Amino acid sequence: MPNAIPANVLFEGTVYSPEVLATYYSMADIFLLCSKRETYSMTCAEALCCGTGVVGFKCGAPETVFDESLGKFVEYGDLEALEKQITAQILADKN
């Protein structure tokens, strides 16, 4: 089944409560942005407001809106660079 959710992923469905959404953002080690095209990216702003760093692909605006101190963005499709940024962000947050 190609669209099956892996066993290690919890699917919460739509979250309508801002408080619950903020709790989820705050619990995350990072917010991962995998979009191919994105405008301002409110989800990045929401994650940052909750203290969660952003790592993702360069996809239009987020890499210009959120500077290096707020988010780390790599060329779209460069999974190796994305993995390095994810690891670096998680390790930096643990120190």
PDB file of N, CA and C in Angstrom:
ATOM      1  N   MET A   1       0.844  -1.174   0.000  1.00  0.00           N
ATOM      2  CA  MET A   1       0.000   0.000   0.000  1.00  0.00           C
ATOM      3  C   MET A   1       0.898   1.249   0.000  1.00  0.00           C
ATOM      4  N   PRO A   2       0.995   2.003  -1.099  1.00  0.00           N
ATOM      5  CA  PRO A   2       1.945   3.110  -1.226  1.00  0.00           C
ATOM      6  C   PRO A   2       1.656   4.307  -0.323  1.00  0.00           C
ATOM      7  N   ASN A   3       0.434   4.537   0.084  1.00  0.00           N
ATOM      8  CA  ASN A   3       0.112   5.699   0.907  1.00  0.00           C
ATOM      9  C   ASN A   3      -0.019   5.372   2.383  1.00  0.00           C
ATOM     10  N   ALA A   4       0.422   4.209   2.782  1.00  0.00           N
ATOM     11  CA  ALA A   4       0.327   3.816   4.183  1.00  0.00           C
ATOM     12  C   ALA A   4       1.263   4.675   5.033  1.00  0.00           C
ATOM     13  N   ILE A   5       0.817   5.011   6.230  1.00  0.00           N
ATOM     14  CA  ILE A   5       1.636   5.780   7.162  1.00  0.00           C
ATOM     15  C   ILE A   5       2.530   4.799   7.911  1.00  0.00           C
ATOM     16  N   PRO A   6       3.851   5.038   7.918  1.00  0.00           N
ATOM     17  CA  PRO A   6       4.763   4.125   8.619  1.00  0.00           C
ATOM     18  C   PRO A   6       4.401   4.004  10.100  1.00  0.00           C
ATOM     19  N   ALA A   7       4.758   2.887  10.691  1.00  0.00           N
ATOM     20  CA  ALA A   7       4.416   2.611  12.088  1.00  0.00           C
ATOM     21  C   ALA A   7       5.031   3.627  13.056  1.00  0.00           C
ATOM     22  N   ASN A   8       6.157   4.243  12.693  1.00  0.00           N
ATOM     23  CA  ASN A   8       6.805   5.197  13.597  1.00  0.00           C
ATOM     24  C   ASN A   8       6.322   6.636  13.409  1.00  0.00           C
ATOM     25  N   VAL A   9       5.251   6.818  12.647  1.00  0.00           N
ATOM     26  CA  VAL A   9       4.660   8.142  12.425  1.00  0.00           C
ATOM     27  C   VAL A   9       3.273   8.167  13.050  1.00  0.00           C
ATOM     28  N   LEU A  10       3.045   9.174  13.872  1.00  0.00           N
ATOM     29  CA  LEU A  10       1.721   9.353  14.473  1.00  0.00           C
ATOM     30  C   LEU A  10       0.954  10.378  13.664  1.00  0.00           C
ATOM     31  N   PHE A  11      -0.180   9.994  13.144  1.00  0.00           N
ATOM     32  CA  PHE A  11      -1.007  10.906  12.360  1.00  0.00           C
ATOM     33  C   PHE A  11      -2.086  11.478  13.262  1.00  0.00           C
ATOM     34  N   GLU A  12      -2.078  12.770  13.456  1.00  0.00           N
ATOM     35  CA  GLU A  12      -3.023  13.429  14.354  1.00  0.00           C
ATOM     36  C   GLU A  12      -4.222  14.018  13.618  1.00  0.00           C
ATOM     37  N   GLY A  13      -4.184  14.060  12.308  1.00  0.00           N
ATOM     38  CA  GLY A  13      -5.290  14.662  11.570  1.00  0.00           C
ATOM     39  C   GLY A  13      -5.222  16.180  11.668  1.00  0.00           C
ATOM     40  N   THR A  14      -6.314  16.828  11.388  1.00  0.00           N
ATOM     41  CA  THR A  14      -6.374  18.282  11.436  1.00  0.00           C
ATOM     42  C   THR A  14      -6.425  18.744  12.886  1.00  0.00           C
ATOM     43  N   VAL A  15      -5.596  19.728  13.199  1.00  0.00           N
ATOM     44  CA  VAL A  15      -5.569  20.297  14.549  1.00  0.00           C
ATOM     45  C   VAL A  15      -6.189  21.685  14.463  1.00  0.00           C
ATOM     46  N   TYR A  16      -7.271  21.880  15.175  1.00  0.00           N
ATOM     47  CA  TYR A  16      -7.984  23.160  15.141  1.00  0.00           C
ATOM     48  C   TYR A  16      -7.608  24.073  16.305  1.00  0.00           C
ATOM     49  N   SER A  17      -7.104  23.520  17.371  1.00  0.00           N
ATOM     50  CA  SER A  17      -6.779  24.298  18.563  1.00  0.00           C
ATOM     51  C   SER A  17      -5.384  24.907  18.446  1.00  0.00           C
ATOM     52  N   PRO A  18      -5.270  26.235  18.542  1.00  0.00           N
ATOM     53  CA  PRO A  18      -3.947  26.869  18.504  1.00  0.00           C
ATOM     54  C   PRO A  18      -3.053  26.396  19.655  1.00  0.00           C
ATOM     55  N   GLU A  19      -3.651  26.121  20.785  1.00  0.00           N
ATOM     56  CA  GLU A  19      -2.874  25.674  21.945  1.00  0.00           C
ATOM     57  C   GLU A  19      -2.276  24.288  21.695  1.00  0.00           C
ATOM     58  N   VAL A  20      -3.079  23.390  21.125  1.00  0.00           N
ATOM     59  CA  VAL A  20      -2.587  22.042  20.827  1.00  0.00           C
ATOM     60  C   VAL A  20      -1.516  22.117  19.738  1.00  0.00           C
ATOM     61  N   LEU A  21      -1.751  22.929  18.727  1.00  0.00           N
ATOM     62  CA  LEU A  21      -0.773  23.083  17.651  1.00  0.00           C
ATOM     63  C   LEU A  21       0.553  23.610  18.206  1.00  0.00           C
ATOM     64  N   ALA A  22       0.482  24.611  19.082  1.00  0.00           N
ATOM     65  CA  ALA A  22       1.697  25.150  19.702  1.00  0.00           C
ATOM     66  C   ALA A  22       2.412  24.086  20.527  1.00  0.00           C
ATOM     67  N   THR A  23       1.651  23.233  21.182  1.00  0.00           N
ATOM     68  CA  THR A  23       2.249  22.136  21.960  1.00  0.00           C
ATOM     69  C   THR A  23       3.010  21.198  21.039  1.00  0.00           C
ATOM     70  N   TYR A  24       2.420  20.839  19.911  1.00  0.00           N
ATOM     71  CA  TYR A  24       3.098  19.954  18.961  1.00  0.00           C
ATOM     72  C   TYR A  24       4.374  20.595  18.408  1.00  0.00           C
ATOM     73  N   TYR A  25       4.285  21.864  18.018  1.00  0.00           N
ATOM     74  CA  TYR A  25       5.488  22.549  17.526  1.00  0.00           C
ATOM     75  C   TYR A  25       6.575  22.547  18.604  1.00  0.00           C
ATOM     76  N   SER A  26       6.202  22.817  19.835  1.00  0.00           N
ATOM     77  CA  SER A  26       7.166  22.898  20.934  1.00  0.00           C
ATOM     78  C   SER A  26       7.803  21.558  21.261  1.00  0.00           C
ATOM     79  N   MET A  27       7.091  20.473  21.019  1.00  0.00           N
ATOM     80  CA  MET A  27       7.609  19.133  21.308  1.00  0.00           C
ATOM     81  C   MET A  27       8.628  18.670  20.274  1.00  0.00           C
ATOM     82  N   ALA A  28       8.617  19.266  19.109  1.00  0.00           N
ATOM     83  CA  ALA A  28       9.472  18.799  18.011  1.00  0.00           C
ATOM     84  C   ALA A  28      10.927  19.211  18.211  1.00  0.00           C
ATOM     85  N   ASP A  29      11.840  18.370  17.731  1.00  0.00           N
ATOM     86  CA  ASP A  29      13.256  18.727  17.714  1.00  0.00           C
ATOM     87  C   ASP A  29      13.521  19.768  16.634  1.00  0.00           C
ATOM     88  N   ILE A  30      12.883  19.596  15.487  1.00  0.00           N
ATOM     89  CA  ILE A  30      12.985  20.557  14.384  1.00  0.00           C
ATOM     90  C   ILE A  30      11.662  20.565  13.627  1.00  0.00           C
ATOM     91  N   PHE A  31      11.474  21.613  12.829  1.00  0.00           N
ATOM     92  CA  PHE A  31      10.379  21.646  11.874  1.00  0.00           C
ATOM     93  C   PHE A  31      11.018  21.444  10.511  1.00  0.00           C
ATOM     94  N   LEU A  32      10.590  20.420   9.800  1.00  0.00           N
ATOM     95  CA  LEU A  32      11.164  20.073   8.503  1.00  0.00           C
ATOM     96  C   LEU A  32      10.253  20.562   7.382  1.00  0.00           C
ATOM     97  N   LEU A  33      10.792  21.414   6.530  1.00  0.00           N
ATOM     98  CA  LEU A  33      10.041  21.968   5.400  1.00  0.00           C
ATOM     99  C   LEU A  33      10.526  21.301   4.112  1.00  0.00           C
ATOM    100  N   CYS A  34       9.678  20.471   3.532  1.00  0.00           N
ATOM    101  CA  CYS A  34      10.060  19.723   2.329  1.00  0.00           C
ATOM    102  C   CYS A  34       9.339  20.207   1.079  1.00  0.00           C
ATOM    103  N   SER A  35       8.790  21.391   1.127  1.00  0.00           N
ATOM    104  CA  SER A  35       8.045  21.926  -0.014  1.00  0.00           C
ATOM    105  C   SER A  35       8.953  22.174  -1.208  1.00  0.00           C
ATOM    106  N   LYS A  36       8.357  22.067  -2.387  1.00  0.00           N
ATOM    107  CA  LYS A  36       9.068  22.423  -3.615  1.00  0.00           C
ATOM    108  C   LYS A  36       8.899  23.912  -3.895  1.00  0.00           C
ATOM    109  N   ARG A  37       7.708  24.434  -3.589  1.00  0.00           N
ATOM    110  CA  ARG A  37       7.416  25.856  -3.760  1.00  0.00           C
ATOM    111  C   ARG A  37       6.650  26.327  -2.532  1.00  0.00           C
ATOM    112  N   GLU A  38       7.024  27.485  -2.023  1.00  0.00           N
ATOM    113  CA  GLU A  38       6.415  28.001  -0.796  1.00  0.00           C
ATOM    114  C   GLU A  38       6.493  29.521  -0.831  1.00  0.00           C
ATOM    115  N   THR A  39       5.463  30.182  -0.314  1.00  0.00           N
ATOM    116  CA  THR A  39       5.534  31.638  -0.184  1.00  0.00           C
ATOM    117  C   THR A  39       6.102  31.945   1.203  1.00  0.00           C
ATOM    118  N   TYR A  40       5.500  32.793   1.963  1.00  0.00           N
ATOM    119  CA  TYR A  40       6.037  33.197   3.261  1.00  0.00           C
ATOM    120  C   TYR A  40       6.300  32.010   4.180  1.00  0.00           C
ATOM    121  N   SER A  41       5.460  31.040   4.185  1.00  0.00           N
ATOM    122  CA  SER A  41       5.542  29.842   5.019  1.00  0.00           C
ATOM    123  C   SER A  41       5.194  30.130   6.471  1.00  0.00           C
ATOM    124  N   MET A  42       3.901  30.279   6.696  1.00  0.00           N
ATOM    125  CA  MET A  42       3.402  30.515   8.052  1.00  0.00           C
ATOM    126  C   MET A  42       3.791  29.378   8.993  1.00  0.00           C
ATOM    127  N   THR A  43       3.888  28.148   8.465  1.00  0.00           N
ATOM    128  CA  THR A  43       4.251  27.031   9.328  1.00  0.00           C
ATOM    129  C   THR A  43       5.667  27.200   9.883  1.00  0.00           C
ATOM    130  N   CYS A  44       6.578  27.756   9.089  1.00  0.00           N
ATOM    131  CA  CYS A  44       7.925  28.041   9.597  1.00  0.00           C
ATOM    132  C   CYS A  44       7.855  29.090  10.704  1.00  0.00           C
ATOM    133  N   ALA A  45       7.085  30.136  10.489  1.00  0.00           N
ATOM    134  CA  ALA A  45       6.947  31.185  11.496  1.00  0.00           C
ATOM    135  C   ALA A  45       6.328  30.631  12.780  1.00  0.00           C
ATOM    136  N   GLU A  46       5.328  29.780  12.642  1.00  0.00           N
ATOM    137  CA  GLU A  46       4.684  29.192  13.823  1.00  0.00           C
ATOM    138  C   GLU A  46       5.671  28.333  14.602  1.00  0.00           C
ATOM    139  N   ALA A  47       6.452  27.513  13.897  1.00  0.00           N
ATOM    140  CA  ALA A  47       7.450  26.672  14.570  1.00  0.00           C
ATOM    141  C   ALA A  47       8.469  27.538  15.309  1.00  0.00           C
ATOM    142  N   LEU A  48       8.975  28.564  14.647  1.00  0.00           N
ATOM    143  CA  LEU A  48       9.958  29.448  15.274  1.00  0.00           C
ATOM    144  C   LEU A  48       9.395  30.152  16.493  1.00  0.00           C
ATOM    145  N   CYS A  49       8.137  30.565  16.422  1.00  0.00           N
ATOM    146  CA  CYS A  49       7.488  31.216  17.575  1.00  0.00           C
ATOM    147  C   CYS A  49       7.361  30.275  18.775  1.00  0.00           C
ATOM    148  N   CYS A  50       7.381  28.986  18.504  1.00  0.00           N
ATOM    149  CA  CYS A  50       7.286  27.986  19.569  1.00  0.00           C
ATOM    150  C   CYS A  50       8.661  27.481  20.000  1.00  0.00           C
ATOM    151  N   GLY A  51       9.722  28.099  19.476  1.00  0.00           N
ATOM    152  CA  GLY A  51      11.070  27.731  19.867  1.00  0.00           C
ATOM    153  C   GLY A  51      11.653  26.555  19.113  1.00  0.00           C
ATOM    154  N   THR A  52      11.040  26.185  18.010  1.00  0.00           N
ATOM    155  CA  THR A  52      11.503  25.043  17.232  1.00  0.00           C
ATOM    156  C   THR A  52      12.219  25.533  15.979  1.00  0.00           C
ATOM    157  N   GLY A  53      13.461  25.088  15.798  1.00  0.00           N
ATOM    158  CA  GLY A  53      14.245  25.477  14.638  1.00  0.00           C
ATOM    159  C   GLY A  53      13.701  24.876  13.356  1.00  0.00           C
ATOM    160  N   VAL A  54      14.018  25.513  12.248  1.00  0.00           N
ATOM    161  CA  VAL A  54      13.518  25.099  10.934  1.00  0.00           C
ATOM    162  C   VAL A  54      14.678  24.633  10.059  1.00  0.00           C
ATOM    163  N   VAL A  55      14.482  23.516   9.398  1.00  0.00           N
ATOM    164  CA  VAL A  55      15.413  23.002   8.398  1.00  0.00           C
ATOM    165  C   VAL A  55      14.573  22.618   7.191  1.00  0.00           C
ATOM    166  N   GLY A  56      15.049  22.951   6.001  1.00  0.00           N
ATOM    167  CA  GLY A  56      14.269  22.576   4.831  1.00  0.00           C
ATOM    168  C   GLY A  56      14.938  22.910   3.534  1.00  0.00           C
ATOM    169  N   PHE A  57      14.166  22.725   2.472  1.00  0.00           N
ATOM    170  CA  PHE A  57      14.643  23.018   1.123  1.00  0.00           C
ATOM    171  C   PHE A  57      14.423  24.490   0.787  1.00  0.00           C
ATOM    172  N   LYS A  58      15.310  25.028  -0.023  1.00  0.00           N
ATOM    173  CA  LYS A  58      15.090  26.349  -0.608  1.00  0.00           C
ATOM    174  C   LYS A  58      13.924  26.186  -1.565  1.00  0.00           C
ATOM    175  N   CYS A  59      12.859  26.915  -1.311  1.00  0.00           N
ATOM    176  CA  CYS A  59      11.642  26.680  -2.089  1.00  0.00           C
ATOM    177  C   CYS A  59      10.930  27.969  -2.478  1.00  0.00           C
ATOM    178  N   GLY A  60      11.652  29.062  -2.486  1.00  0.00           N
ATOM    179  CA  GLY A  60      11.021  30.309  -2.893  1.00  0.00           C
ATOM    180  C   GLY A  60      11.280  31.413  -1.896  1.00  0.00           C
ATOM    181  N   ALA A  61      10.423  31.541  -0.911  1.00  0.00           N
ATOM    182  CA  ALA A  61      10.543  32.645   0.026  1.00  0.00           C
ATOM    183  C   ALA A  61      11.152  32.323   1.384  1.00  0.00           C
ATOM    184  N   PRO A  62      10.880  31.162   1.977  1.00  0.00           N
ATOM    185  CA  PRO A  62      11.359  30.955   3.343  1.00  0.00           C
ATOM    186  C   PRO A  62      12.850  31.238   3.542  1.00  0.00           C
ATOM    187  N   GLU A  63      13.676  30.848   2.601  1.00  0.00           N
ATOM    188  CA  GLU A  63      15.116  31.075   2.760  1.00  0.00           C
ATOM    189  C   GLU A  63      15.493  32.544   2.678  1.00  0.00           C
ATOM    190  N   THR A  64      14.590  33.390   2.158  1.00  0.00           N
ATOM    191  CA  THR A  64      14.852  34.827   2.131  1.00  0.00           C
ATOM    192  C   THR A  64      14.192  35.543   3.305  1.00  0.00           C
ATOM    193  N   VAL A  65      13.125  34.988   3.822  1.00  0.00           N
ATOM    194  CA  VAL A  65      12.407  35.585   4.947  1.00  0.00           C
ATOM    195  C   VAL A  65      13.093  35.263   6.277  1.00  0.00           C
ATOM    196  N   PHE A  66      13.514  34.015   6.435  1.00  0.00           N
ATOM    197  CA  PHE A  66      14.104  33.560   7.693  1.00  0.00           C
ATOM    198  C   PHE A  66      15.610  33.433   7.507  1.00  0.00           C
ATOM    199  N   ASP A  67      16.373  34.303   8.180  1.00  0.00           N
ATOM    200  CA  ASP A  67      17.820  34.284   7.977  1.00  0.00           C
ATOM    201  C   ASP A  67      18.471  33.064   8.623  1.00  0.00           C
ATOM    202  N   GLU A  68      19.779  32.948   8.453  1.00  0.00           N
ATOM    203  CA  GLU A  68      20.545  31.782   8.910  1.00  0.00           C
ATOM    204  C   GLU A  68      20.393  31.499  10.402  1.00  0.00           C
ATOM    205  N   SER A  69      20.108  32.516  11.192  1.00  0.00           N
ATOM    206  CA  SER A  69      19.956  32.289  12.634  1.00  0.00           C
ATOM    207  C   SER A  69      18.617  31.631  12.958  1.00  0.00           C
ATOM    208  N   LEU A  70      17.684  31.665  12.022  1.00  0.00           N
ATOM    209  CA  LEU A  70      16.344  31.120  12.255  1.00  0.00           C
ATOM    210  C   LEU A  70      16.083  29.812  11.524  1.00  0.00           C
ATOM    211  N   GLY A  71      16.691  29.657  10.363  1.00  0.00           N
ATOM    212  CA  GLY A  71      16.441  28.453   9.587  1.00  0.00           C
ATOM    213  C   GLY A  71      17.613  28.106   8.700  1.00  0.00           C
ATOM    214  N   LYS A  72      17.755  26.831   8.440  1.00  0.00           N
ATOM    215  CA  LYS A  72      18.811  26.344   7.553  1.00  0.00           C
ATOM    216  C   LYS A  72      18.143  25.711   6.347  1.00  0.00           C
ATOM    217  N   PHE A  73      18.466  26.223   5.169  1.00  0.00           N
ATOM    218  CA  PHE A  73      17.823  25.761   3.940  1.00  0.00           C
ATOM    219  C   PHE A  73      18.874  25.298   2.939  1.00  0.00           C
ATOM    220  N   VAL A  74      18.587  24.196   2.272  1.00  0.00           N
ATOM    221  CA  VAL A  74      19.496  23.617   1.280  1.00  0.00           C
ATOM    222  C   VAL A  74      18.779  23.551  -0.059  1.00  0.00           C
ATOM    223  N   GLU A  75      19.548  23.314  -1.126  1.00  0.00           N
ATOM    224  CA  GLU A  75      18.964  23.234  -2.458  1.00  0.00           C
ATOM    225  C   GLU A  75      17.891  22.142  -2.505  1.00  0.00           C
ATOM    226  N   TYR A  76      16.814  22.428  -3.216  1.00  0.00           N
ATOM    227  CA  TYR A  76      15.710  21.471  -3.310  1.00  0.00           C
ATOM    228  C   TYR A  76      16.202  20.140  -3.870  1.00  0.00           C
ATOM    229  N   GLY A  77      15.848  19.074  -3.190  1.00  0.00           N
ATOM    230  CA  GLY A  77      16.188  17.734  -3.640  1.00  0.00           C
ATOM    231  C   GLY A  77      17.520  17.206  -3.143  1.00  0.00           C
ATOM    232  N   ASP A  78      18.331  18.047  -2.504  1.00  0.00           N
ATOM    233  CA  ASP A  78      19.647  17.620  -2.000  1.00  0.00           C
ATOM    234  C   ASP A  78      19.454  16.957  -0.630  1.00  0.00           C
ATOM    235  N   LEU A  79      19.128  15.674  -0.658  1.00  0.00           N
ATOM    236  CA  LEU A  79      18.818  14.941   0.568  1.00  0.00           C
ATOM    237  C   LEU A  79      20.024  14.796   1.488  1.00  0.00           C
ATOM    238  N   GLU A  80      21.202  14.696   0.913  1.00  0.00           N
ATOM    239  CA  GLU A  80      22.420  14.582   1.730  1.00  0.00           C
ATOM    240  C   GLU A  80      22.641  15.864   2.541  1.00  0.00           C
ATOM    241  N   ALA A  81      22.511  17.006   1.884  1.00  0.00           N
ATOM    242  CA  ALA A  81      22.671  18.290   2.580  1.00  0.00           C
ATOM    243  C   ALA A  81      21.561  18.486   3.609  1.00  0.00           C
ATOM    244  N   LEU A  82      20.356  18.047   3.270  1.00  0.00           N
ATOM    245  CA  LEU A  82      19.235  18.158   4.210  1.00  0.00           C
ATOM    246  C   LEU A  82      19.509  17.324   5.456  1.00  0.00           C
ATOM    247  N   GLU A  83      19.983  16.106   5.260  1.00  0.00           N
ATOM    248  CA  GLU A  83      20.303  15.236   6.398  1.00  0.00           C
ATOM    249  C   GLU A  83      21.379  15.868   7.284  1.00  0.00           C
ATOM    250  N   LYS A  84      22.395  16.464   6.671  1.00  0.00           N
ATOM    251  CA  LYS A  84      23.461  17.116   7.443  1.00  0.00           C
ATOM    252  C   LYS A  84      22.915  18.272   8.273  1.00  0.00           C
ATOM    253  N   GLN A  85      22.026  19.064   7.687  1.00  0.00           N
ATOM    254  CA  GLN A  85      21.445  20.193   8.412  1.00  0.00           C
ATOM    255  C   GLN A  85      20.544  19.724   9.555  1.00  0.00           C
ATOM    256  N   ILE A  86      19.783  18.672   9.320  1.00  0.00           N
ATOM    257  CA  ILE A  86      18.920  18.127  10.366  1.00  0.00           C
ATOM    258  C   ILE A  86      19.780  17.662  11.535  1.00  0.00           C
ATOM    259  N   THR A  87      20.812  16.898  11.236  1.00  0.00           N
ATOM    260  CA  THR A  87      21.708  16.386  12.287  1.00  0.00           C
ATOM    261  C   THR A  87      22.382  17.533  13.027  1.00  0.00           C
ATOM    262  N   ALA A  88      22.887  18.511  12.308  1.00  0.00           N
ATOM    263  CA  ALA A  88      23.556  19.647  12.935  1.00  0.00           C
ATOM    264  C   ALA A  88      22.605  20.426  13.836  1.00  0.00           C
ATOM    265  N   GLN A  89      21.369  20.620  13.378  1.00  0.00           N
ATOM    266  CA  GLN A  89      20.381  21.373  14.161  1.00  0.00           C
ATOM    267  C   GLN A  89      20.038  20.631  15.447  1.00  0.00           C
ATOM    268  N   ILE A  90      19.816  19.335  15.354  1.00  0.00           N
ATOM    269  CA  ILE A  90      19.451  18.549  16.530  1.00  0.00           C
ATOM    270  C   ILE A  90      20.613  18.527  17.522  1.00  0.00           C
ATOM    271  N   LEU A  91      21.843  18.329  17.021  1.00  0.00           N
ATOM    272  CA  LEU A  91      23.000  18.320  17.911  1.00  0.00           C
ATOM    273  C   LEU A  91      23.225  19.675  18.569  1.00  0.00           C
ATOM    274  N   ALA A  92      23.035  20.759  17.811  1.00  0.00           N
ATOM    275  CA  ALA A  92      23.198  22.106  18.361  1.00  0.00           C
ATOM    276  C   ALA A  92      22.185  22.380  19.456  1.00  0.00           C
ATOM    277  N   ASP A  93      20.962  21.902  19.280  1.00  0.00           N
ATOM    278  CA  ASP A  93      19.920  22.131  20.281  1.00  0.00           C
ATOM    279  C   ASP A  93      20.167  21.343  21.561  1.00  0.00           C
ATOM    280  N   LYS A  94      20.873  20.234  21.461  1.00  0.00           N
ATOM    281  CA  LYS A  94      21.134  19.398  22.632  1.00  0.00           C
ATOM    282  C   LYS A  94      22.304  19.924  23.458  1.00  0.00           C
ATOM    283  N   ASN A  95      23.105  20.838  22.884  1.00  0.00           N
ATOM    284  CA  ASN A  95      24.258  21.404  23.616  1.00  0.00           C
ATOM    285  C   ASN A  95      23.893  22.652  24.360  1.00  0.00           C
TER     286      ASN A  95
END
